Amino acid sequence: MNKVDYVIEMLNIRKEFPGIVANDNINLQVEKGEIHALLGENGAGKSTLMNVLFGLYQPEKGEIRVNGKPVKITNPNIANDLGIGMVHQHFMLVDTFSVTENIILGSEPKKSGTVDIKKAEAEVQEISERYGLKVDPTAKIKDISVGMQQRVEILKTLYRGADILILDEPTAVLTPQEIHELIEIMRTLIKEGKSIILITHKLKEIMEVCDRCTVIRKGQGIGTVDVKETSTTELASLMVGREVSFRTEKTPAHPKEEILKISDLRVKDARGAEMVKGLHLDVKAGEIVGIAGVDGNGQSELIEAVAGLRKVESGSILLNNESITHFTPRKVTESGVAHIPQDRHKFGLVLDFPIGENMVLQNYYQKPYSSMGVLNYKEIYKQANKLINEYDVRTPSEHTPARALSGGNQQKAIIGREVDRSPDLLIAAQPTRGLDVGAIEFIHRKLIEERDKGKAVLLLSFELEEIMNVSDRIAIMFDGQIVANVKPEDTTEQELGLLMAGSQVEKKAGES
């Protein structure tokens, strides 16, 4: 193929950080009008490579060509001028601004020296309709869903004239319905002549929507494959360097005594709206109970209430027959609850602390990590190194700030910290969000190990496959209540989807 047929060529790109080679002479060639997947484990160097293309990082060596011409991309403005736009995994939006204000930020249309907001809103509306994005230009960011916020990020790149879109883990925070809508949006963009680079580790999505896939492992390019000629099994082994099992192996559960009992629980969200409405739920020792539901039906408020992070309006939460209903998060933890939070940045880590110190956030004030108010760093880092090795947390060192790790490695650090304390109840909220297949397999195994030790596990996930694969019992949550309890072996994803949408609720509720 003639080189000019490539819209993007990254040749022998090398990017180093202190103590680590993030990209080791990687090649990436993207054809015009294709969706090209960039696949790799957490910390493999995918986002780093795209940050080089977008001008956020400068490579130590290598060449970038856009439409066959060598270019130097020293900052994102140059990338924008070359028609390259990037939608980051963690959105870059101002909460209090409207959709239009966010989209035009930095390139505002002026009229008599002031911003012509009406003209901008009309332009945003036109682009939104052309690409099937369906976003209200006047809505405030804080009032719209995560899926809508992502559309705003895509619109931002299109408004600036991007022909090549980089989407960094775009489905990590979306519901199944929003993922389906995003895939349709990507197809529309390709029809309009755009090219897309999709950073992901979700093999199902690659098989569904991508034309070719470049695999990176531990900072090195493994190769590029035609998606039509490969399989999820082959992609998984290319990514992690070994065979991966997609089926979680586990023996049948043998539930014992009741560990968690929630009765008539009512919880409000930050705006004062009641989200948990008289909910009843129990979890026994030696079982994994999965909560299935469409995001926004009170799951987050339920988990935060049990963890002590949100006030309970009424009802009770019992742990081992003792009330923890109004306990502080520390008292909940000390009672025997571990919590893998949904939002790892807000509730899981102190990002500017070394990863080693993050490993003892739950018990730093106890022996052997502290004595008479003085921290024992030798013991703290001994424990940190144990967990880093056991959970394969890829970090240049235990002293590296948590924010410098990839999202998946941050998650593995949190899971290591929480599981290692061997709690009576392990709450795992979206435990594999943003993780690759190898890490997912490892974490599922850890959850099952805890169950087999006689612990109670409460799993919240928006991935139906995960709920079906890992749970021993599934509690379906709709409109703030548990409307059905089903066994994974007695149901299907389609039936779960109907229950989650509120269909057949009466029939099922009567059966449970």
Protein backbone atom coordinates (compact mmCIF):
# COMPACT_ATOMS: atom_id res chain seq x y z
CA MET A 1 0.00 0.00 0.00
CA ASN A 2 1.21 3.48 -0.88
CA LYS A 3 2.20 5.37 2.26
CA VAL A 4 -0.01 8.38 1.40
CA ASP A 5 -3.02 6.07 1.96
CA TYR A 6 -2.26 6.22 5.68
CA VAL A 7 -3.79 9.20 7.50
CA ILE A 8 -1.51 8.57 10.49
CA GLU A 9 1.90 6.93 10.68
CA MET A 10 3.83 6.67 13.91
CA LEU A 11 7.21 5.13 13.16
CA ASN A 12 9.63 3.77 15.80
CA ILE A 13 8.18 5.94 18.58
CA ARG A 14 10.12 5.80 21.85
CA LYS A 15 8.85 7.55 24.98
CA GLU A 16 10.58 7.27 28.36
CA PHE A 17 9.66 8.38 31.87
CA PRO A 18 11.97 8.17 34.90
CA GLY A 19 12.58 4.48 35.50
CA ILE A 20 10.30 3.23 32.71
CA VAL A 21 10.21 2.93 28.90
CA ALA A 22 6.51 3.51 28.13
CA ASN A 23 6.81 3.15 24.33
CA ASP A 24 9.68 1.07 22.97
CA ASN A 25 10.03 1.75 19.19
CA ILE A 26 6.32 1.30 18.42
CA ASN A 27 4.82 1.52 14.91
CA LEU A 28 1.19 2.43 14.20
CA GLN A 29 -0.32 2.99 10.75
CA VAL A 30 -3.95 4.07 10.39
CA GLU A 31 -5.81 3.97 7.08
CA LYS A 32 -8.29 6.64 6.03
CA GLY A 33 -11.89 5.79 6.92
CA GLU A 34 -11.13 2.95 9.32
CA ILE A 35 -11.76 2.32 13.00
CA HIS A 36 -8.35 1.17 14.23
CA ALA A 37 -8.15 -0.41 17.68
CA LEU A 38 -5.14 0.09 19.92
CA LEU A 39 -5.23 -2.88 22.27
CA GLY A 40 -3.10 -3.60 25.31
CA GLU A 41 -3.06 -4.42 29.01
CA ASN A 42 -3.32 -1.72 31.67
CA GLY A 43 -0.03 0.18 31.64
CA ALA A 44 1.01 -1.26 28.24
CA GLY A 45 1.60 2.27 26.87
CA LYS A 46 -1.56 2.85 24.77
CA SER A 47 -2.56 6.22 26.23
CA THR A 48 1.08 7.36 26.26
CA LEU A 49 1.39 6.65 22.53
CA MET A 50 -1.80 8.62 21.81
CA ASN A 51 -0.67 11.48 24.06
CA VAL A 52 2.47 11.63 21.86
CA LEU A 53 0.26 11.83 18.75
CA PHE A 54 -1.88 14.54 20.36
CA GLY A 55 1.18 16.63 21.35
CA LEU A 56 0.84 16.21 25.14
CA TYR A 57 4.16 14.31 25.27
CA GLN A 58 7.28 14.63 23.15
CA PRO A 59 8.92 11.34 22.08
CA GLU A 60 12.62 10.64 22.63
CA LYS A 61 12.79 9.38 19.04
CA GLY A 62 10.64 8.40 16.09
CA GLU A 63 8.65 10.09 13.35
CA ILE A 64 4.99 11.04 12.93
CA ARG A 65 3.41 11.52 9.51
CA VAL A 66 -0.07 12.89 8.81
CA ASN A 67 -1.39 12.12 5.31
CA GLY A 68 2.12 11.09 4.26
CA LYS A 69 3.88 14.27 5.44
CA PRO A 70 6.34 14.28 8.38
CA VAL A 71 5.10 16.59 11.18
CA LYS A 72 6.30 17.82 14.56
CA ILE A 73 3.41 17.89 17.05
CA THR A 74 4.75 19.87 20.00
CA ASN A 75 1.36 20.74 21.56
CA PRO A 76 -2.36 19.91 21.20
CA ASN A 77 -3.07 23.10 19.21
CA ILE A 78 -0.82 21.80 16.42
CA ALA A 79 -2.64 18.44 16.60
CA ASN A 80 -5.97 20.28 16.26
CA ASP A 81 -4.64 22.25 13.26
CA LEU A 82 -3.64 18.93 11.64
CA GLY A 83 -7.21 17.62 12.14
CA ILE A 84 -6.45 15.37 15.13
CA GLY A 85 -8.86 15.45 18.09
CA MET A 86 -8.70 13.43 21.31
CA VAL A 87 -11.45 12.40 23.72
CA HIS A 88 -9.70 11.57 27.00
CA GLN A 89 -10.77 8.80 29.38
CA HIS A 90 -11.34 11.35 32.15
CA PHE A 91 -13.40 14.11 30.57
CA MET A 92 -12.03 17.66 30.34
CA LEU A 93 -15.29 19.53 30.96
CA VAL A 94 -16.32 22.46 33.17
CA ASP A 95 -19.30 21.26 35.24
CA THR A 96 -20.97 24.63 35.65
CA PHE A 97 -20.70 25.61 31.96
CA SER A 98 -23.28 24.72 29.34
CA VAL A 99 -22.65 22.18 26.58
CA THR A 100 -21.99 24.97 24.07
CA GLU A 101 -19.70 26.93 26.41
CA ASN A 102 -17.57 23.81 26.88
CA ILE A 103 -17.42 23.08 23.16
CA ILE A 104 -16.31 26.58 22.09
CA LEU A 105 -13.90 27.12 25.00
CA GLY A 106 -10.67 28.47 23.50
CA SER A 107 -12.15 29.06 20.03
CA GLU A 108 -15.16 31.27 20.77
CA PRO A 109 -16.98 32.96 17.83
CA LYS A 110 -16.95 36.73 18.43
CA LYS A 111 -19.45 39.42 17.47
CA SER A 112 -18.58 43.06 18.22
CA GLY A 113 -15.93 41.89 20.69
CA THR A 114 -18.25 39.60 22.69
CA VAL A 115 -18.91 35.86 22.41
CA ASP A 116 -21.76 35.14 19.98
CA ILE A 117 -23.36 32.36 22.03
CA LYS A 118 -26.48 32.11 19.82
CA LYS A 119 -24.36 31.50 16.70
CA ALA A 120 -22.29 28.92 18.61
CA GLU A 121 -25.44 27.12 19.87
CA ALA A 122 -26.78 26.92 16.31
CA GLU A 123 -23.46 25.48 15.07
CA VAL A 124 -23.35 22.92 17.91
CA GLN A 125 -26.98 21.94 17.16
CA GLU A 126 -26.13 21.47 13.46
CA ILE A 127 -23.05 19.30 14.12
CA SER A 128 -24.94 17.36 16.81
CA GLU A 129 -27.75 16.49 14.37
CA ARG A 130 -25.42 15.69 11.46
CA TYR A 131 -23.57 13.02 13.45
CA GLY A 132 -26.59 11.69 15.37
CA LEU A 133 -25.21 12.88 18.71
CA LYS A 134 -28.50 14.34 20.03
CA VAL A 135 -27.12 16.75 22.64
CA ASP A 136 -28.97 19.78 24.01
CA PRO A 137 -26.57 22.73 23.39
CA THR A 138 -28.02 24.72 26.33
CA ALA A 139 -27.86 22.00 29.04
CA LYS A 140 -25.39 22.35 31.92
CA ILE A 141 -22.71 19.63 32.07
CA LYS A 142 -23.52 18.82 35.72
CA ASP A 143 -27.12 18.00 34.74
CA ILE A 144 -26.40 15.48 31.96
CA SER A 145 -25.42 11.80 32.07
CA VAL A 146 -21.88 10.48 31.65
CA GLY A 147 -22.81 9.18 28.19
CA MET A 148 -23.99 12.65 27.16
CA GLN A 149 -20.81 14.23 28.56
CA GLN A 150 -18.80 11.94 26.32
CA ARG A 151 -20.84 13.10 23.32
CA VAL A 152 -19.94 16.67 24.26
CA GLU A 153 -16.25 15.69 24.19
CA ILE A 154 -16.73 14.18 20.71
CA LEU A 155 -18.57 17.32 19.58
CA LYS A 156 -15.67 19.43 20.88
CA THR A 157 -13.28 17.67 18.50
CA LEU A 158 -15.71 17.88 15.56
CA TYR A 159 -16.33 21.60 16.20
CA ARG A 160 -12.58 22.14 15.81
CA GLY A 161 -12.62 20.31 12.46
CA ALA A 162 -11.09 16.98 13.48
CA ASP A 163 -10.86 14.30 10.77
CA ILE A 164 -8.93 11.85 12.97
CA LEU A 165 -10.49 11.09 16.36
CA ILE A 166 -8.64 9.39 19.20
CA LEU A 167 -11.09 7.83 21.69
CA ASP A 168 -9.34 6.79 24.92
CA GLU A 169 -11.25 3.94 26.64
CA PRO A 170 -14.56 5.55 25.59
CA THR A 171 -16.82 2.79 26.95
CA ALA A 172 -15.19 2.45 30.39
CA VAL A 173 -17.87 4.55 32.12
CA LEU A 174 -20.89 3.84 29.90
CA THR A 175 -23.97 1.68 30.42
CA PRO A 176 -24.63 -1.14 27.87
CA GLN A 177 -27.25 1.05 26.15
CA GLU A 178 -24.83 4.00 25.90
CA ILE A 179 -22.11 1.69 24.51
CA HIS A 180 -24.52 0.58 21.76
CA GLU A 181 -25.30 4.24 20.96
CA LEU A 182 -21.59 5.16 20.88
CA ILE A 183 -20.87 2.34 18.41
CA GLU A 184 -23.59 3.73 16.12
CA ILE A 185 -22.06 7.23 16.45
CA MET A 186 -18.62 5.83 15.47
CA ARG A 187 -20.13 4.19 12.38
CA THR A 188 -21.77 7.50 11.39
CA LEU A 189 -18.45 9.34 11.80
CA ILE A 190 -16.71 6.83 9.50
CA LYS A 191 -19.46 7.25 6.87
CA GLU A 192 -18.76 11.01 7.01
CA GLY A 193 -15.11 10.35 6.08
CA LYS A 194 -13.53 10.47 9.54
CA SER A 195 -10.90 8.01 10.83
CA ILE A 196 -10.95 6.74 14.42
CA ILE A 197 -8.28 5.32 16.73
CA LEU A 198 -10.00 3.44 19.56
CA ILE A 199 -7.91 2.77 22.68
CA THR A 200 -9.51 -0.17 24.42
CA HIS A 201 -9.10 -3.56 26.02
CA LYS A 202 -12.71 -4.67 25.46
CA LEU A 203 -12.39 -7.45 22.93
CA LYS A 204 -16.12 -7.70 22.19
CA GLU A 205 -16.21 -4.07 21.03
CA ILE A 206 -13.15 -4.53 18.82
CA MET A 207 -14.78 -7.52 17.12
CA GLU A 208 -18.02 -5.57 16.66
CA VAL A 209 -16.81 -2.26 15.30
CA CYS A 210 -13.09 -2.20 14.35
CA ASP A 211 -11.39 -2.88 11.00
CA ARG A 212 -7.83 -3.49 12.22
CA CYS A 213 -6.16 -3.78 15.60
CA THR A 214 -2.61 -2.96 16.72
CA VAL A 215 -1.54 -4.80 19.89
CA ILE A 216 0.94 -3.36 22.44
CA ARG A 217 2.41 -5.42 25.26
CA LYS A 218 4.64 -3.95 27.99
CA GLY A 219 5.51 -0.93 25.85
CA GLN A 220 6.34 -2.88 22.68
CA GLY A 221 4.38 -3.33 19.45
CA ILE A 222 3.32 -6.97 19.01
CA GLY A 223 1.74 -6.48 15.59
CA THR A 224 -1.36 -5.42 13.64
CA VAL A 225 -4.13 -7.85 12.74
CA ASP A 226 -7.20 -7.69 10.51
CA VAL A 227 -10.20 -8.00 12.87
CA LYS A 228 -12.21 -10.11 10.38
CA GLU A 229 -9.42 -12.70 10.39
CA THR A 230 -8.95 -12.99 14.18
CA SER A 231 -10.88 -14.02 17.30
CA THR A 232 -11.26 -12.74 20.88
CA THR A 233 -9.14 -15.70 22.08
CA GLU A 234 -6.28 -14.80 19.72
CA LEU A 235 -6.48 -11.08 20.60
CA ALA A 236 -6.47 -11.88 24.33
CA SER A 237 -3.35 -14.04 24.10
CA LEU A 238 -1.59 -11.43 21.91
CA MET A 239 -2.40 -8.81 24.54
CA VAL A 240 -1.30 -10.63 27.70
CA GLY A 241 1.19 -13.13 26.24
CA ARG A 242 -0.68 -16.23 27.42
CA GLU A 243 -4.02 -17.97 27.05
CA VAL A 244 -6.86 -16.31 28.93
CA SER A 245 -9.97 -18.02 30.27
CA PHE A 246 -13.18 -16.03 29.62
CA ARG A 247 -15.22 -18.35 31.80
CA THR A 248 -14.77 -17.86 35.53
CA GLU A 249 -14.18 -21.28 37.04
CA LYS A 250 -15.96 -21.73 40.36
CA THR A 251 -17.60 -24.45 42.39
CA PRO A 252 -21.24 -24.03 43.53
CA ALA A 253 -21.67 -21.69 46.52
CA HIS A 254 -22.52 -23.01 49.96
CA PRO A 255 -24.06 -19.96 51.72
CA LYS A 256 -23.96 -20.07 55.50
CA GLU A 257 -24.97 -17.48 58.12
CA GLU A 258 -26.31 -14.06 57.16
CA ILE A 259 -23.55 -11.40 57.18
CA LEU A 260 -25.37 -8.37 55.73
CA LYS A 261 -29.07 -7.64 56.27
CA ILE A 262 -30.62 -4.45 54.86
CA SER A 263 -34.21 -3.69 55.81
CA ASP A 264 -36.55 -0.97 54.47
CA LEU A 265 -33.59 1.26 53.57
CA ARG A 266 -34.21 4.78 52.31
CA VAL A 267 -31.38 6.97 51.00
CA LYS A 268 -31.34 10.32 49.18
CA ASP A 269 -28.86 11.58 46.59
CA ALA A 270 -26.88 14.84 46.79
CA ARG A 271 -29.83 16.83 45.45
CA GLY A 272 -32.25 15.44 48.05
CA ALA A 273 -34.11 13.07 45.70
CA GLU A 274 -34.95 9.68 47.22
CA MET A 275 -32.94 7.07 45.30
CA VAL A 276 -33.21 4.00 47.58
CA LYS A 277 -36.87 3.43 48.40
CA GLY A 278 -37.55 0.92 51.15
CA LEU A 279 -35.01 -1.62 49.90
CA HIS A 280 -34.51 -5.12 51.37
CA LEU A 281 -31.38 -7.19 50.69
CA ASP A 282 -29.31 -9.86 52.43
CA VAL A 283 -25.90 -11.39 51.69
CA LYS A 284 -24.71 -14.60 53.36
CA ALA A 285 -21.23 -15.86 54.17
CA GLY A 286 -19.83 -17.86 51.27
CA GLU A 287 -21.82 -16.25 48.45
CA ILE A 288 -21.42 -13.51 45.85
CA VAL A 289 -24.57 -11.46 45.36
CA GLY A 290 -24.49 -9.36 42.19
CA ILE A 291 -26.60 -6.22 41.84
CA ALA A 292 -27.81 -5.75 38.27
CA GLY A 293 -29.51 -2.59 37.12
CA VAL A 294 -29.39 0.31 34.71
CA ASP A 295 -27.17 3.07 36.12
CA GLY A 296 -29.16 5.66 38.06
CA ASN A 297 -31.59 3.31 39.82
CA GLY A 298 -30.08 3.88 43.27
CA GLN A 299 -27.17 1.40 43.15
CA SER A 300 -24.47 3.99 43.94
CA GLU A 301 -26.48 5.44 46.84
CA LEU A 302 -27.08 1.94 48.23
CA ILE A 303 -23.36 1.05 48.17
CA GLU A 304 -22.34 4.41 49.67
CA ALA A 305 -24.90 4.00 52.48
CA VAL A 306 -23.54 0.56 53.41
CA ALA A 307 -19.96 1.91 53.31
CA GLY A 308 -20.87 4.84 55.58
CA LEU A 309 -20.29 7.44 52.86
CA ARG A 310 -23.94 8.52 52.58
CA LYS A 311 -26.53 9.31 55.25
CA VAL A 312 -29.32 6.78 55.80
CA GLU A 313 -32.75 8.47 56.03
CA SER A 314 -34.50 5.44 57.53
CA GLY A 315 -34.29 1.65 57.70
CA SER A 316 -31.43 -0.49 58.99
CA ILE A 317 -28.12 -2.05 57.91
CA LEU A 318 -26.97 -4.99 60.05
CA LEU A 319 -23.54 -6.60 59.84
CA ASN A 320 -23.27 -9.89 61.76
CA ASN A 321 -26.55 -8.92 63.53
CA GLU A 322 -25.04 -5.61 64.78
CA SER A 323 -26.33 -2.28 63.44
CA ILE A 324 -23.86 -0.22 61.37
CA THR A 325 -26.65 2.02 60.01
CA HIS A 326 -25.19 5.36 61.08
CA PHE A 327 -21.52 4.44 61.39
CA THR A 328 -18.76 6.64 59.98
CA PRO A 329 -16.71 5.11 57.11
CA ARG A 330 -13.87 4.27 59.54
CA LYS A 331 -16.24 2.52 61.97
CA VAL A 332 -17.79 0.58 59.08
CA THR A 333 -14.29 -0.49 58.00
CA GLU A 334 -13.33 -1.52 61.54
CA SER A 335 -16.55 -3.55 61.82
CA GLY A 336 -15.33 -5.82 59.02
CA VAL A 337 -16.36 -4.18 55.73
CA ALA A 338 -14.01 -3.57 52.77
CA HIS A 339 -15.06 -1.31 49.91
CA ILE A 340 -13.71 -1.25 46.36
CA PRO A 341 -15.30 2.06 45.30
CA GLN A 342 -16.93 2.85 41.98
CA ASP A 343 -14.89 6.06 41.60
CA ARG A 344 -11.29 5.14 42.35
CA HIS A 345 -10.06 8.74 42.15
CA LYS A 346 -12.66 10.26 44.43
CA PHE A 347 -12.98 7.49 47.05
CA GLY A 348 -10.14 5.02 46.46
CA LEU A 349 -6.83 6.86 46.37
CA VAL A 350 -4.99 9.98 47.44
CA LEU A 351 -3.54 10.60 43.99
CA ASP A 352 -0.57 12.70 45.09
CA PHE A 353 0.52 10.17 47.75
CA PRO A 354 3.02 7.43 46.79
CA ILE A 355 1.28 4.22 45.76
CA GLY A 356 2.96 2.52 48.75
CA GLU A 357 1.21 4.82 51.23
CA ASN A 358 -2.12 4.33 49.44
CA MET A 359 -1.81 0.62 50.24
CA VAL A 360 -2.37 1.30 53.98
CA LEU A 361 -5.01 4.06 53.80
CA GLN A 362 -7.52 1.90 55.69
CA ASN A 363 -5.24 0.93 58.59
CA TYR A 364 -2.24 3.32 58.64
CA TYR A 365 -3.15 4.38 62.22
CA GLN A 366 -2.90 0.81 63.53
CA LYS A 367 0.11 -1.34 64.43
CA PRO A 368 2.53 -2.19 62.86
CA TYR A 369 2.15 0.86 60.55
CA SER A 370 1.90 3.39 63.37
CA SER A 371 2.88 3.64 67.00
CA MET A 372 1.81 6.50 69.30
CA GLY A 373 0.88 8.61 66.28
CA VAL A 374 4.21 8.12 64.44
CA LEU A 375 4.16 6.30 61.09
CA ASN A 376 6.49 3.35 60.61
CA TYR A 377 7.48 3.74 56.96
CA LYS A 378 9.58 0.57 56.95
CA GLU A 379 6.47 -1.52 57.75
CA ILE A 380 4.26 0.53 55.40
CA TYR A 381 6.54 -0.08 52.42
CA LYS A 382 7.10 -3.73 53.36
CA GLN A 383 3.33 -4.26 53.17
CA ALA A 384 3.14 -2.19 49.96
CA ASN A 385 5.79 -4.31 48.23
CA LYS A 386 3.99 -7.51 49.26
CA LEU A 387 0.73 -6.28 47.66
CA ILE A 388 2.46 -4.81 44.58
CA ASN A 389 4.00 -8.23 43.87
CA GLU A 390 0.93 -10.27 44.75
CA TYR A 391 -1.47 -8.15 42.67
CA ASP A 392 0.95 -7.42 39.80
CA VAL A 393 0.66 -3.63 40.24
CA ARG A 394 2.92 -2.26 37.51
CA THR A 395 4.72 0.78 38.90
CA PRO A 396 8.30 2.08 38.54
CA SER A 397 8.53 1.91 42.36
CA GLU A 398 6.46 1.85 45.56
CA HIS A 399 7.33 5.57 45.94
CA THR A 400 5.71 6.56 42.60
CA PRO A 401 2.68 8.90 43.06
CA ALA A 402 -0.62 7.03 42.57
CA ARG A 403 -1.68 9.44 39.79
CA ALA A 404 1.29 8.33 37.63
CA LEU A 405 -0.05 4.75 37.39
CA SER A 406 -2.46 3.62 34.68
CA GLY A 407 -6.12 3.33 35.70
CA GLY A 408 -5.97 -0.46 35.75
CA ASN A 409 -2.91 -0.52 38.00
CA GLN A 410 -4.55 2.00 40.35
CA GLN A 411 -7.52 -0.38 40.53
CA LYS A 412 -5.33 -3.41 41.25
CA ALA A 413 -3.69 -1.48 44.11
CA ILE A 414 -7.11 -0.69 45.68
CA ILE A 415 -8.30 -4.27 45.30
CA GLY A 416 -5.09 -5.56 46.88
CA ARG A 417 -5.49 -3.21 49.85
CA GLU A 418 -9.14 -4.11 50.45
CA VAL A 419 -8.98 -7.88 49.89
CA ASP A 420 -5.79 -8.28 51.94
CA ARG A 421 -7.66 -7.16 55.08
CA SER A 422 -9.89 -10.27 54.67
CA PRO A 423 -13.14 -8.53 55.69
CA ASP A 424 -16.43 -10.27 56.60
CA LEU A 425 -18.15 -8.29 53.82
CA LEU A 426 -16.38 -7.23 50.63
CA ILE A 427 -18.25 -4.60 48.61
CA ALA A 428 -16.92 -4.58 45.04
CA ALA A 429 -18.43 -1.71 43.03
CA GLN A 430 -17.41 -1.87 39.37
CA PRO A 431 -14.22 -3.75 40.37
CA THR A 432 -13.07 -4.40 36.81
CA ARG A 433 -14.01 -1.05 35.24
CA GLY A 434 -11.18 -0.06 32.93
CA LEU A 435 -9.28 -3.35 33.30
CA ASP A 436 -7.92 -5.66 30.62
CA VAL A 437 -8.93 -9.32 30.25
CA GLY A 438 -5.90 -10.64 32.13
CA ALA A 439 -6.56 -8.35 35.11
CA ILE A 440 -10.31 -9.11 35.01
CA GLU A 441 -9.59 -12.85 35.16
CA PHE A 442 -7.27 -12.25 38.16
CA ILE A 443 -9.79 -10.07 40.07
CA HIS A 444 -12.68 -12.47 39.48
CA ARG A 445 -10.50 -15.22 40.90
CA LYS A 446 -9.78 -13.08 43.99
CA LEU A 447 -13.51 -12.42 44.58
CA ILE A 448 -14.23 -16.15 44.35
CA GLU A 449 -11.32 -16.93 46.72
CA GLU A 450 -12.87 -14.56 49.29
CA ARG A 451 -16.24 -16.29 48.86
CA ASP A 452 -14.58 -19.68 49.30
CA LYS A 453 -12.98 -18.45 52.54
CA GLY A 454 -16.51 -17.95 53.85
CA LYS A 455 -16.70 -14.19 53.25
CA ALA A 456 -19.78 -12.36 51.93
CA VAL A 457 -19.27 -10.50 48.64
CA LEU A 458 -21.62 -7.79 47.31
CA LEU A 459 -20.82 -7.08 43.64
CA LEU A 460 -22.14 -4.06 41.76
CA SER A 461 -21.44 -4.09 38.04
CA PHE A 462 -23.02 -2.63 34.91
CA GLU A 463 -21.38 -5.42 32.85
CA LEU A 464 -24.08 -8.08 32.53
CA GLU A 465 -21.49 -10.64 31.46
CA GLU A 466 -19.59 -10.05 34.71
CA ILE A 467 -22.76 -10.30 36.82
CA MET A 468 -23.73 -13.57 35.11
CA ASN A 469 -20.20 -14.98 35.29
CA VAL A 470 -19.25 -14.22 38.89
CA SER A 471 -22.47 -14.01 40.94
CA ASP A 472 -24.07 -16.91 42.79
CA ARG A 473 -27.29 -14.92 43.09
CA ILE A 474 -28.42 -11.80 41.21
CA ALA A 475 -30.52 -9.07 42.82
CA ILE A 476 -32.13 -6.84 40.18
CA MET A 477 -32.47 -3.21 41.20
CA PHE A 478 -35.05 -0.95 39.57
CA ASP A 479 -36.27 2.46 40.77
CA GLY A 480 -34.59 2.18 44.19
CA GLN A 481 -35.79 -1.32 45.05
CA ILE A 482 -34.77 -4.95 44.61
CA VAL A 483 -37.50 -6.21 42.28
CA ALA A 484 -36.27 -9.78 41.76
CA ASN A 485 -33.70 -12.33 42.90
CA VAL A 486 -32.56 -14.85 40.28
CA LYS A 487 -29.85 -17.48 39.88
CA PRO A 488 -27.47 -16.91 36.92
CA GLU A 489 -28.06 -20.48 35.69
CA ASP A 490 -31.85 -19.90 35.62
CA THR A 491 -31.84 -16.68 33.57
CA THR A 492 -30.46 -15.05 30.41
CA GLU A 493 -28.95 -11.63 29.64
CA GLN A 494 -32.14 -10.79 27.71
CA GLU A 495 -34.37 -11.60 30.70
CA LEU A 496 -32.11 -9.62 33.02
CA GLY A 497 -32.25 -6.68 30.60
CA LEU A 498 -36.07 -6.73 30.69
CA LEU A 499 -36.15 -6.89 34.51
CA MET A 500 -33.62 -4.04 34.72
CA ALA A 501 -35.89 -1.93 32.50
CA GLY A 502 -38.88 -2.58 34.81
CA SER A 503 -40.66 -5.14 32.61
CA GLN A 504 -42.26 -8.25 34.14
CA VAL A 505 -41.51 -6.77 37.54
CA GLU A 506 -44.72 -7.91 39.20
CA LYS A 507 -44.43 -11.50 37.99
CA LYS A 508 -40.80 -11.78 39.05
CA ALA A 509 -41.23 -9.96 42.35
CA GLY A 510 -43.98 -12.38 43.22
CA GLU A 511 -41.72 -15.32 42.49
CA SER A 512 -38.77 -14.13 44.59
